[in-house]
Amino acid sequence: MDPNSQPASVTFEGEEFQKPATVFQTQTPGIVRWVMQGSGGLIKNEKQAQYVLVGFVVIAVVSVFVLMFNSGGRSAKFEAPPGQKVIYPQNEPPRLEQKF
């Protein structure tokens, strides 16, 4: 066999190779179907259900931020049990005064 020669191409008569047609199915996600079914008929199509879900996420995120960052200007207050005293040493956390 000559190293410079090209390999022979093989063709089959009567066989045509066709690429199968791509079928796109738009399937409704389960949570969208759940929102539509659980709305009692108020939400009539997928787009409305998606808007409801986006609104729910926005409200949830805003609520989390409000709860995280809204301390109301309050700081932690340490109260000692009756007969005990809280001491605040420098560079250490507050603790109860030890009595021996």
PDB file of N, CA and C in Angstrom:
ATOM      1  N   MET A   1       0.854  -1.174   0.000  1.00  0.00           N
ATOM      2  CA  MET A   1       0.000   0.000   0.000  1.00  0.00           C
ATOM      3  C   MET A   1       0.897   1.233   0.000  1.00  0.00           C
ATOM      4  N   ASP A   2       0.568   2.154  -0.832  1.00  0.00           N
ATOM      5  CA  ASP A   2       1.341   3.382  -0.977  1.00  0.00           C
ATOM      6  C   ASP A   2       0.990   4.340   0.152  1.00  0.00           C
ATOM      7  N   PRO A   3       1.989   4.854   0.937  1.00  0.00           N
ATOM      8  CA  PRO A   3       1.671   5.734   2.055  1.00  0.00           C
ATOM      9  C   PRO A   3       1.060   7.059   1.633  1.00  0.00           C
ATOM     10  N   ASN A   4       1.215   7.468   0.388  1.00  0.00           N
ATOM     11  CA  ASN A   4       0.646   8.729  -0.084  1.00  0.00           C
ATOM     12  C   ASN A   4      -0.747   8.564  -0.667  1.00  0.00           C
ATOM     13  N   SER A   5      -1.235   7.364  -0.730  1.00  0.00           N
ATOM     14  CA  SER A   5      -2.546   7.148  -1.361  1.00  0.00           C
ATOM     15  C   SER A   5      -3.668   7.455  -0.375  1.00  0.00           C
ATOM     16  N   GLN A   6      -4.781   7.880  -0.914  1.00  0.00           N
ATOM     17  CA  GLN A   6      -5.976   8.197  -0.140  1.00  0.00           C
ATOM     18  C   GLN A   6      -6.776   6.917   0.085  1.00  0.00           C
ATOM     19  N   PRO A   7      -7.433   6.766   1.248  1.00  0.00           N
ATOM     20  CA  PRO A   7      -8.275   5.589   1.442  1.00  0.00           C
ATOM     21  C   PRO A   7      -9.492   5.666   0.523  1.00  0.00           C
ATOM     22  N   ALA A   8      -9.938   4.540   0.092  1.00  0.00           N
ATOM     23  CA  ALA A   8     -11.086   4.490  -0.816  1.00  0.00           C
ATOM     24  C   ALA A   8     -12.344   4.820  -0.034  1.00  0.00           C
ATOM     25  N   SER A   9     -13.225   5.598  -0.660  1.00  0.00           N
ATOM     26  CA  SER A   9     -14.490   5.910  -0.001  1.00  0.00           C
ATOM     27  C   SER A   9     -15.498   4.832  -0.332  1.00  0.00           C
ATOM     28  N   VAL A  10     -16.328   4.538   0.625  1.00  0.00           N
ATOM     29  CA  VAL A  10     -17.320   3.486   0.456  1.00  0.00           C
ATOM     30  C   VAL A  10     -18.687   4.139   0.410  1.00  0.00           C
ATOM     31  N   THR A  11     -19.451   3.816  -0.591  1.00  0.00           N
ATOM     32  CA  THR A  11     -20.825   4.319  -0.684  1.00  0.00           C
ATOM     33  C   THR A  11     -21.762   3.141  -0.805  1.00  0.00           C
ATOM     34  N   PHE A  12     -22.913   3.275  -0.190  1.00  0.00           N
ATOM     35  CA  PHE A  12     -23.923   2.227  -0.261  1.00  0.00           C
ATOM     36  C   PHE A  12     -25.056   2.719  -1.138  1.00  0.00           C
ATOM     37  N   GLU A  13     -25.398   1.925  -2.111  1.00  0.00           N
ATOM     38  CA  GLU A  13     -26.473   2.317  -3.006  1.00  0.00           C
ATOM     39  C   GLU A  13     -27.816   2.021  -2.356  1.00  0.00           C
ATOM     40  N   GLY A  14     -28.736   2.925  -2.554  1.00  0.00           N
ATOM     41  CA  GLY A  14     -30.097   2.730  -2.049  1.00  0.00           C
ATOM     42  C   GLY A  14     -30.285   3.188  -0.614  1.00  0.00           C
ATOM     43  N   GLU A  15     -29.226   3.524   0.055  1.00  0.00           N
ATOM     44  CA  GLU A  15     -29.371   3.989   1.432  1.00  0.00           C
ATOM     45  C   GLU A  15     -29.138   5.484   1.491  1.00  0.00           C
ATOM     46  N   GLU A  16     -30.084   6.161   2.037  1.00  0.00           N
ATOM     47  CA  GLU A  16     -29.938   7.592   2.226  1.00  0.00           C
ATOM     48  C   GLU A  16     -29.966   7.862   3.722  1.00  0.00           C
ATOM     49  N   PHE A  17     -28.995   8.596   4.146  1.00  0.00           N
ATOM     50  CA  PHE A  17     -28.927   8.916   5.556  1.00  0.00           C
ATOM     51  C   PHE A  17     -29.599  10.267   5.767  1.00  0.00           C
ATOM     52  N   GLN A  18     -30.675  10.248   6.504  1.00  0.00           N
ATOM     53  CA  GLN A  18     -31.387  11.477   6.791  1.00  0.00           C
ATOM     54  C   GLN A  18     -31.294  11.761   8.283  1.00  0.00           C
ATOM     55  N   LYS A  19     -31.120  13.005   8.557  1.00  0.00           N
ATOM     56  CA  LYS A  19     -31.085  13.426   9.946  1.00  0.00           C
ATOM     57  C   LYS A  19     -32.526  13.469  10.452  1.00  0.00           C
ATOM     58  N   PRO A  20     -32.796  12.826  11.590  1.00  0.00           N
ATOM     59  CA  PRO A  20     -34.181  12.872  12.087  1.00  0.00           C
ATOM     60  C   PRO A  20     -34.576  14.295  12.453  1.00  0.00           C
ATOM     61  N   ALA A  21     -35.827  14.598  12.215  1.00  0.00           N
ATOM     62  CA  ALA A  21     -36.337  15.934  12.517  1.00  0.00           C
ATOM     63  C   ALA A  21     -36.307  16.156  14.027  1.00  0.00           C
ATOM     64  N   THR A  22     -35.870  17.331  14.413  1.00  0.00           N
ATOM     65  CA  THR A  22     -35.837  17.676  15.826  1.00  0.00           C
ATOM     66  C   THR A  22     -37.212  18.174  16.244  1.00  0.00           C
ATOM     67  N   VAL A  23     -37.735  17.563  17.281  1.00  0.00           N
ATOM     68  CA  VAL A  23     -39.053  17.938  17.761  1.00  0.00           C
ATOM     69  C   VAL A  23     -38.865  18.668  19.084  1.00  0.00           C
ATOM     70  N   PHE A  24     -39.368  19.883  19.140  1.00  0.00           N
ATOM     71  CA  PHE A  24     -39.291  20.660  20.367  1.00  0.00           C
ATOM     72  C   PHE A  24     -40.631  20.561  21.067  1.00  0.00           C
ATOM     73  N   GLN A  25     -40.595  20.017  22.266  1.00  0.00           N
ATOM     74  CA  GLN A  25     -41.812  19.941  23.056  1.00  0.00           C
ATOM     75  C   GLN A  25     -41.673  20.917  24.216  1.00  0.00           C
ATOM     76  N   THR A  26     -42.649  21.759  24.331  1.00  0.00           N
ATOM     77  CA  THR A  26     -42.640  22.664  25.471  1.00  0.00           C
ATOM     78  C   THR A  26     -43.530  22.026  26.526  1.00  0.00           C
ATOM     79  N   GLN A  27     -42.891  21.533  27.546  1.00  0.00           N
ATOM     80  CA  GLN A  27     -43.635  20.890  28.618  1.00  0.00           C
ATOM     81  C   GLN A  27     -43.716  21.870  29.782  1.00  0.00           C
ATOM     82  N   THR A  28     -44.888  22.005  30.315  1.00  0.00           N
ATOM     83  CA  THR A  28     -45.101  22.924  31.437  1.00  0.00           C
ATOM     84  C   THR A  28     -44.404  22.377  32.670  1.00  0.00           C
ATOM     85  N   PRO A  29     -43.551  23.197  33.305  1.00  0.00           N
ATOM     86  CA  PRO A  29     -42.895  22.738  34.529  1.00  0.00           C
ATOM     87  C   PRO A  29     -43.918  22.413  35.618  1.00  0.00           C
ATOM     88  N   GLY A  30     -43.557  21.484  36.482  1.00  0.00           N
ATOM     89  CA  GLY A  30     -44.473  21.009  37.511  1.00  0.00           C
ATOM     90  C   GLY A  30     -44.945  22.089  38.458  1.00  0.00           C
ATOM     91  N   ILE A  31     -44.045  22.994  38.849  1.00  0.00           N
ATOM     92  CA  ILE A  31     -44.446  24.025  39.811  1.00  0.00           C
ATOM     93  C   ILE A  31     -45.436  25.005  39.179  1.00  0.00           C
ATOM     94  N   VAL A  32     -45.285  25.236  37.870  1.00  0.00           N
ATOM     95  CA  VAL A  32     -46.232  26.126  37.180  1.00  0.00           C
ATOM     96  C   VAL A  32     -47.605  25.458  37.136  1.00  0.00           C
ATOM     97  N   ARG A  33     -47.628  24.160  36.834  1.00  0.00           N
ATOM     98  CA  ARG A  33     -48.903  23.432  36.832  1.00  0.00           C
ATOM     99  C   ARG A  33     -49.521  23.435  38.228  1.00  0.00           C
ATOM    100  N   TRP A  34     -48.678  23.274  39.267  1.00  0.00           N
ATOM    101  CA  TRP A  34     -49.159  23.252  40.641  1.00  0.00           C
ATOM    102  C   TRP A  34     -49.788  24.589  41.020  1.00  0.00           C
ATOM    103  N   VAL A  35     -49.165  25.692  40.604  1.00  0.00           N
ATOM    104  CA  VAL A  35     -49.712  27.023  40.893  1.00  0.00           C
ATOM    105  C   VAL A  35     -51.040  27.213  40.172  1.00  0.00           C
ATOM    106  N   MET A  36     -51.109  26.764  38.918  1.00  0.00           N
ATOM    107  CA  MET A  36     -52.349  26.919  38.158  1.00  0.00           C
ATOM    108  C   MET A  36     -53.483  26.098  38.781  1.00  0.00           C
ATOM    109  N   GLN A  37     -53.171  24.874  39.207  1.00  0.00           N
ATOM    110  CA  GLN A  37     -54.205  24.027  39.800  1.00  0.00           C
ATOM    111  C   GLN A  37     -54.616  24.529  41.177  1.00  0.00           C
ATOM    112  N   GLY A  38     -53.658  25.023  41.940  1.00  0.00           N
ATOM    113  CA  GLY A  38     -53.952  25.453  43.304  1.00  0.00           C
ATOM    114  C   GLY A  38     -54.587  26.829  43.400  1.00  0.00           C
ATOM    115  N   SER A  39     -54.688  27.533  42.274  1.00  0.00           N
ATOM    116  CA  SER A  39     -55.234  28.892  42.327  1.00  0.00           C
ATOM    117  C   SER A  39     -56.750  28.917  42.335  1.00  0.00           C
ATOM    118  N   GLY A  40     -57.367  27.796  42.112  1.00  0.00           N
ATOM    119  CA  GLY A  40     -58.827  27.762  42.083  1.00  0.00           C
ATOM    120  C   GLY A  40     -59.420  28.446  40.867  1.00  0.00           C
ATOM    121  N   GLY A  41     -58.656  28.497  39.777  1.00  0.00           N
ATOM    122  CA  GLY A  41     -59.144  29.098  38.548  1.00  0.00           C
ATOM    123  C   GLY A  41     -58.765  30.553  38.356  1.00  0.00           C
ATOM    124  N   LEU A  42     -58.104  31.159  39.334  1.00  0.00           N
ATOM    125  CA  LEU A  42     -57.698  32.556  39.181  1.00  0.00           C
ATOM    126  C   LEU A  42     -56.574  32.710  38.163  1.00  0.00           C
ATOM    127  N   ILE A  43     -55.672  31.749  38.123  1.00  0.00           N
ATOM    128  CA  ILE A  43     -54.549  31.787  37.180  1.00  0.00           C
ATOM    129  C   ILE A  43     -54.909  30.874  36.020  1.00  0.00           C
ATOM    130  N   LYS A  44     -55.003  31.472  34.834  1.00  0.00           N
ATOM    131  CA  LYS A  44     -55.553  30.740  33.705  1.00  0.00           C
ATOM    132  C   LYS A  44     -54.505  30.204  32.726  1.00  0.00           C
ATOM    133  N   ASN A  45     -53.291  30.769  32.718  1.00  0.00           N
ATOM    134  CA  ASN A  45     -52.282  30.265  31.780  1.00  0.00           C
ATOM    135  C   ASN A  45     -50.894  30.263  32.419  1.00  0.00           C
ATOM    136  N   GLU A  46     -49.936  29.705  31.677  1.00  0.00           N
ATOM    137  CA  GLU A  46     -48.581  29.554  32.197  1.00  0.00           C
ATOM    138  C   GLU A  46     -47.921  30.897  32.500  1.00  0.00           C
ATOM    139  N   LYS A  47     -48.148  31.872  31.662  1.00  0.00           N
ATOM    140  CA  LYS A  47     -47.510  33.181  31.836  1.00  0.00           C
ATOM    141  C   LYS A  47     -47.946  33.816  33.155  1.00  0.00           C
ATOM    142  N   GLN A  48     -49.226  33.744  33.473  1.00  0.00           N
ATOM    143  CA  GLN A  48     -49.712  34.278  34.737  1.00  0.00           C
ATOM    144  C   GLN A  48     -49.096  33.537  35.924  1.00  0.00           C
ATOM    145  N   ALA A  49     -48.977  32.217  35.805  1.00  0.00           N
ATOM    146  CA  ALA A  49     -48.379  31.419  36.879  1.00  0.00           C
ATOM    147  C   ALA A  49     -46.913  31.794  37.069  1.00  0.00           C
ATOM    148  N   GLN A  50     -46.208  32.054  35.979  1.00  0.00           N
ATOM    149  CA  GLN A  50     -44.805  32.460  36.081  1.00  0.00           C
ATOM    150  C   GLN A  50     -44.688  33.822  36.764  1.00  0.00           C
ATOM    151  N   TYR A  51     -45.586  34.744  36.454  1.00  0.00           N
ATOM    152  CA  TYR A  51     -45.580  36.046  37.125  1.00  0.00           C
ATOM    153  C   TYR A  51     -45.821  35.892  38.628  1.00  0.00           C
ATOM    154  N   VAL A  52     -46.735  35.019  38.992  1.00  0.00           N
ATOM    155  CA  VAL A  52     -47.015  34.776  40.405  1.00  0.00           C
ATOM    156  C   VAL A  52     -45.773  34.224  41.101  1.00  0.00           C
ATOM    157  N   LEU A  53     -45.081  33.289  40.466  1.00  0.00           N
ATOM    158  CA  LEU A  53     -43.876  32.712  41.054  1.00  0.00           C
ATOM    159  C   LEU A  53     -42.759  33.744  41.185  1.00  0.00           C
ATOM    160  N   VAL A  54     -42.587  34.585  40.176  1.00  0.00           N
ATOM    161  CA  VAL A  54     -41.566  35.632  40.249  1.00  0.00           C
ATOM    162  C   VAL A  54     -41.912  36.608  41.379  1.00  0.00           C
ATOM    163  N   GLY A  55     -43.177  36.973  41.494  1.00  0.00           N
ATOM    164  CA  GLY A  55     -43.605  37.855  42.575  1.00  0.00           C
ATOM    165  C   GLY A  55     -43.349  37.240  43.938  1.00  0.00           C
ATOM    166  N   PHE A  56     -43.605  35.950  44.073  1.00  0.00           N
ATOM    167  CA  PHE A  56     -43.355  35.262  45.337  1.00  0.00           C
ATOM    168  C   PHE A  56     -41.868  35.301  45.689  1.00  0.00           C
ATOM    169  N   VAL A  57     -41.008  35.064  44.709  1.00  0.00           N
ATOM    170  CA  VAL A  57     -39.561  35.080  44.952  1.00  0.00           C
ATOM    171  C   VAL A  57     -39.109  36.478  45.363  1.00  0.00           C
ATOM    172  N   VAL A  58     -39.615  37.506  44.690  1.00  0.00           N
ATOM    173  CA  VAL A  58     -39.235  38.883  45.027  1.00  0.00           C
ATOM    174  C   VAL A  58     -39.654  39.213  46.464  1.00  0.00           C
ATOM    175  N   ILE A  59     -40.871  38.853  46.832  1.00  0.00           N
ATOM    176  CA  ILE A  59     -41.349  39.108  48.190  1.00  0.00           C
ATOM    177  C   ILE A  59     -40.513  38.349  49.214  1.00  0.00           C
ATOM    178  N   ALA A  60     -40.150  37.113  48.904  1.00  0.00           N
ATOM    179  CA  ALA A  60     -39.336  36.318  49.832  1.00  0.00           C
ATOM    180  C   ALA A  60     -37.955  36.937  50.022  1.00  0.00           C
ATOM    181  N   VAL A  61     -37.325  37.375  48.932  1.00  0.00           N
ATOM    182  CA  VAL A  61     -35.987  37.973  49.027  1.00  0.00           C
ATOM    183  C   VAL A  61     -36.040  39.274  49.823  1.00  0.00           C
ATOM    184  N   VAL A  62     -37.022  40.121  49.549  1.00  0.00           N
ATOM    185  CA  VAL A  62     -37.149  41.384  50.283  1.00  0.00           C
ATOM    186  C   VAL A  62     -37.387  41.101  51.764  1.00  0.00           C
ATOM    187  N   SER A  63     -38.220  40.128  52.084  1.00  0.00           N
ATOM    188  CA  SER A  63     -38.487  39.790  53.479  1.00  0.00           C
ATOM    189  C   SER A  63     -37.217  39.334  54.195  1.00  0.00           C
ATOM    190  N   VAL A  64     -36.414  38.534  53.527  1.00  0.00           N
ATOM    191  CA  VAL A  64     -35.168  38.059  54.135  1.00  0.00           C
ATOM    192  C   VAL A  64     -34.246  39.235  54.425  1.00  0.00           C
ATOM    193  N   PHE A  65     -34.102  40.147  53.479  1.00  0.00           N
ATOM    194  CA  PHE A  65     -33.235  41.301  53.703  1.00  0.00           C
ATOM    195  C   PHE A  65     -33.757  42.185  54.832  1.00  0.00           C
ATOM    196  N   VAL A  66     -35.052  42.385  54.911  1.00  0.00           N
ATOM    197  CA  VAL A  66     -35.621  43.201  55.982  1.00  0.00           C
ATOM    198  C   VAL A  66     -35.350  42.537  57.333  1.00  0.00           C
ATOM    199  N   LEU A  67     -35.543  41.238  57.417  1.00  0.00           N
ATOM    200  CA  LEU A  67     -35.315  40.552  58.681  1.00  0.00           C
ATOM    201  C   LEU A  67     -33.837  40.518  59.065  1.00  0.00           C
ATOM    202  N   MET A  68     -32.960  40.414  58.078  1.00  0.00           N
ATOM    203  CA  MET A  68     -31.528  40.342  58.366  1.00  0.00           C
ATOM    204  C   MET A  68     -30.959  41.688  58.802  1.00  0.00           C
ATOM    205  N   PHE A  69     -31.349  42.749  58.133  1.00  0.00           N
ATOM    206  CA  PHE A  69     -30.704  44.040  58.342  1.00  0.00           C
ATOM    207  C   PHE A  69     -31.499  45.000  59.223  1.00  0.00           C
ATOM    208  N   ASN A  70     -32.666  44.608  59.659  1.00  0.00           N
ATOM    209  CA  ASN A  70     -33.481  45.498  60.474  1.00  0.00           C
ATOM    210  C   ASN A  70     -33.366  45.084  61.937  1.00  0.00           C
ATOM    211  N   SER A  71     -32.342  45.581  62.589  1.00  0.00           N
ATOM    212  CA  SER A  71     -32.192  45.273  64.014  1.00  0.00           C
ATOM    213  C   SER A  71     -32.902  46.330  64.846  1.00  0.00           C
ATOM    214  N   GLY A  72     -33.375  47.381  64.233  1.00  0.00           N
ATOM    215  CA  GLY A  72     -34.100  48.422  64.946  1.00  0.00           C
ATOM    216  C   GLY A  72     -33.215  49.243  65.869  1.00  0.00           C
ATOM    217  N   GLY A  73     -31.918  49.233  65.650  1.00  0.00           N
ATOM    218  CA  GLY A  73     -31.009  49.989  66.489  1.00  0.00           C
ATOM    219  C   GLY A  73     -30.805  49.360  67.855  1.00  0.00           C
ATOM    220  N   ARG A  74     -31.253  48.143  68.018  1.00  0.00           N
ATOM    221  CA  ARG A  74     -31.106  47.464  69.300  1.00  0.00           C
ATOM    222  C   ARG A  74     -29.790  46.704  69.338  1.00  0.00           C
ATOM    223  N   SER A  75     -29.192  46.671  70.501  1.00  0.00           N
ATOM    224  CA  SER A  75     -28.004  45.852  70.673  1.00  0.00           C
ATOM    225  C   SER A  75     -28.342  44.755  71.676  1.00  0.00           C
ATOM    226  N   ALA A  76     -27.507  43.764  71.722  1.00  0.00           N
ATOM    227  CA  ALA A  76     -27.759  42.648  72.630  1.00  0.00           C
ATOM    228  C   ALA A  76     -27.670  43.122  74.068  1.00  0.00           C
ATOM    229  N   LYS A  77     -28.601  42.673  74.859  1.00  0.00           N
ATOM    230  CA  LYS A  77     -28.613  43.047  76.267  1.00  0.00           C
ATOM    231  C   LYS A  77     -28.458  41.771  77.087  1.00  0.00           C
ATOM    232  N   PHE A  78     -27.504  41.797  77.989  1.00  0.00           N
ATOM    233  CA  PHE A  78     -27.246  40.639  78.814  1.00  0.00           C
ATOM    234  C   PHE A  78     -27.823  40.885  80.195  1.00  0.00           C
ATOM    235  N   GLU A  79     -28.699  40.008  80.607  1.00  0.00           N
ATOM    236  CA  GLU A  79     -29.299  40.135  81.930  1.00  0.00           C
ATOM    237  C   GLU A  79     -28.822  38.979  82.790  1.00  0.00           C
ATOM    238  N   ALA A  80     -28.437  39.301  84.003  1.00  0.00           N
ATOM    239  CA  ALA A  80     -27.968  38.282  84.933  1.00  0.00           C
ATOM    240  C   ALA A  80     -29.128  37.750  85.751  1.00  0.00           C
ATOM    241  N   PRO A  81     -29.023  36.500  86.159  1.00  0.00           N
ATOM    242  CA  PRO A  81     -30.049  35.978  87.071  1.00  0.00           C
ATOM    243  C   PRO A  81     -30.005  36.732  88.402  1.00  0.00           C
ATOM    244  N   PRO A  82     -31.055  36.666  89.198  1.00  0.00           N
ATOM    245  CA  PRO A  82     -31.078  37.379  90.483  1.00  0.00           C
ATOM    246  C   PRO A  82     -29.881  36.981  91.349  1.00  0.00           C
ATOM    247  N   GLY A  83     -29.222  37.961  91.922  1.00  0.00           N
ATOM    248  CA  GLY A  83     -28.078  37.722  92.787  1.00  0.00           C
ATOM    249  C   GLY A  83     -26.757  37.637  92.036  1.00  0.00           C
ATOM    250  N   GLN A  84     -26.772  37.706  90.735  1.00  0.00           N
ATOM    251  CA  GLN A  84     -25.557  37.637  89.917  1.00  0.00           C
ATOM    252  C   GLN A  84     -25.329  38.991  89.260  1.00  0.00           C
ATOM    253  N   LYS A  85     -24.115  39.190  88.780  1.00  0.00           N
ATOM    254  CA  LYS A  85     -23.763  40.447  88.133  1.00  0.00           C
ATOM    255  C   LYS A  85     -23.007  40.145  86.841  1.00  0.00           C
ATOM    256  N   VAL A  86     -23.340  40.871  85.756  1.00  0.00           N
ATOM    257  CA  VAL A  86     -22.638  40.713  84.476  1.00  0.00           C
ATOM    258  C   VAL A  86     -21.458  41.674  84.472  1.00  0.00           C
ATOM    259  N   ILE A  87     -20.277  41.151  84.143  1.00  0.00           N
ATOM    260  CA  ILE A  87     -19.104  42.007  84.022  1.00  0.00           C
ATOM    261  C   ILE A  87     -18.698  42.081  82.553  1.00  0.00           C
ATOM    262  N   TYR A  88     -18.113  43.209  82.184  1.00  0.00           N
ATOM    263  CA  TYR A  88     -17.727  43.462  80.798  1.00  0.00           C
ATOM    264  C   TYR A  88     -16.217  43.723  80.737  1.00  0.00           C
ATOM    265  N   PRO A  89     -15.373  42.679  80.752  1.00  0.00           N
ATOM    266  CA  PRO A  89     -13.922  42.904  80.673  1.00  0.00           C
ATOM    267  C   PRO A  89     -13.523  43.387  79.282  1.00  0.00           C
ATOM    268  N   GLN A  90     -12.406  44.142  79.218  1.00  0.00           N
ATOM    269  CA  GLN A  90     -11.936  44.640  77.921  1.00  0.00           C
ATOM    270  C   GLN A  90     -11.423  43.480  77.085  1.00  0.00           C
ATOM    271  N   ASN A  91     -11.727  43.535  75.797  1.00  0.00           N
ATOM    272  CA  ASN A  91     -11.278  42.545  74.804  1.00  0.00           C
ATOM    273  C   ASN A  91     -11.719  41.126  75.140  1.00  0.00           C
ATOM    274  N   GLU A  92     -12.793  40.995  75.877  1.00  0.00           N
ATOM    275  CA  GLU A  92     -13.358  39.687  76.201  1.00  0.00           C
ATOM    276  C   GLU A  92     -14.873  39.792  76.158  1.00  0.00           C
ATOM    277  N   PRO A  93     -15.522  38.676  75.965  1.00  0.00           N
ATOM    278  CA  PRO A  93     -16.992  38.720  75.955  1.00  0.00           C
ATOM    279  C   PRO A  93     -17.540  38.940  77.362  1.00  0.00           C
ATOM    280  N   PRO A  94     -18.753  39.477  77.477  1.00  0.00           N
ATOM    281  CA  PRO A  94     -19.358  39.661  78.797  1.00  0.00           C
ATOM    282  C   PRO A  94     -19.601  38.301  79.456  1.00  0.00           C
ATOM    283  N   ARG A  95     -19.556  38.288  80.782  1.00  0.00           N
ATOM    284  CA  ARG A  95     -19.787  37.043  81.507  1.00  0.00           C
ATOM    285  C   ARG A  95     -20.278  37.363  82.912  1.00  0.00           C
ATOM    286  N   LEU A  96     -20.706  36.306  83.588  1.00  0.00           N
ATOM    287  CA  LEU A  96     -21.163  36.482  84.960  1.00  0.00           C
ATOM    288  C   LEU A  96     -19.959  36.598  85.892  1.00  0.00           C
ATOM    289  N   GLU A  97     -20.121  37.431  86.905  1.00  0.00           N
ATOM    290  CA  GLU A  97     -19.063  37.568  87.901  1.00  0.00           C
ATOM    291  C   GLU A  97     -19.020  36.288  88.743  1.00  0.00           C
ATOM    292  N   GLN A  98     -17.822  35.770  88.930  1.00  0.00           N
ATOM    293  CA  GLN A  98     -17.687  34.527  89.691  1.00  0.00           C
ATOM    294  C   GLN A  98     -17.687  34.835  91.179  1.00  0.00           C
ATOM    295  N   LYS A  99     -18.433  34.042  91.918  1.00  0.00           N
ATOM    296  CA  LYS A  99     -18.462  34.165  93.371  1.00  0.00           C
ATOM    297  C   LYS A  99     -17.914  32.876  93.958  1.00  0.00           C
ATOM    298  N   PHE A 100     -16.972  33.020  94.872  1.00  0.00           N
ATOM    299  CA  PHE A 100     -16.377  31.823  95.489  1.00  0.00           C
ATOM    300  C   PHE A 100     -16.894  31.644  96.878  1.00  0.00           C
TER     301      PHE A 100
END
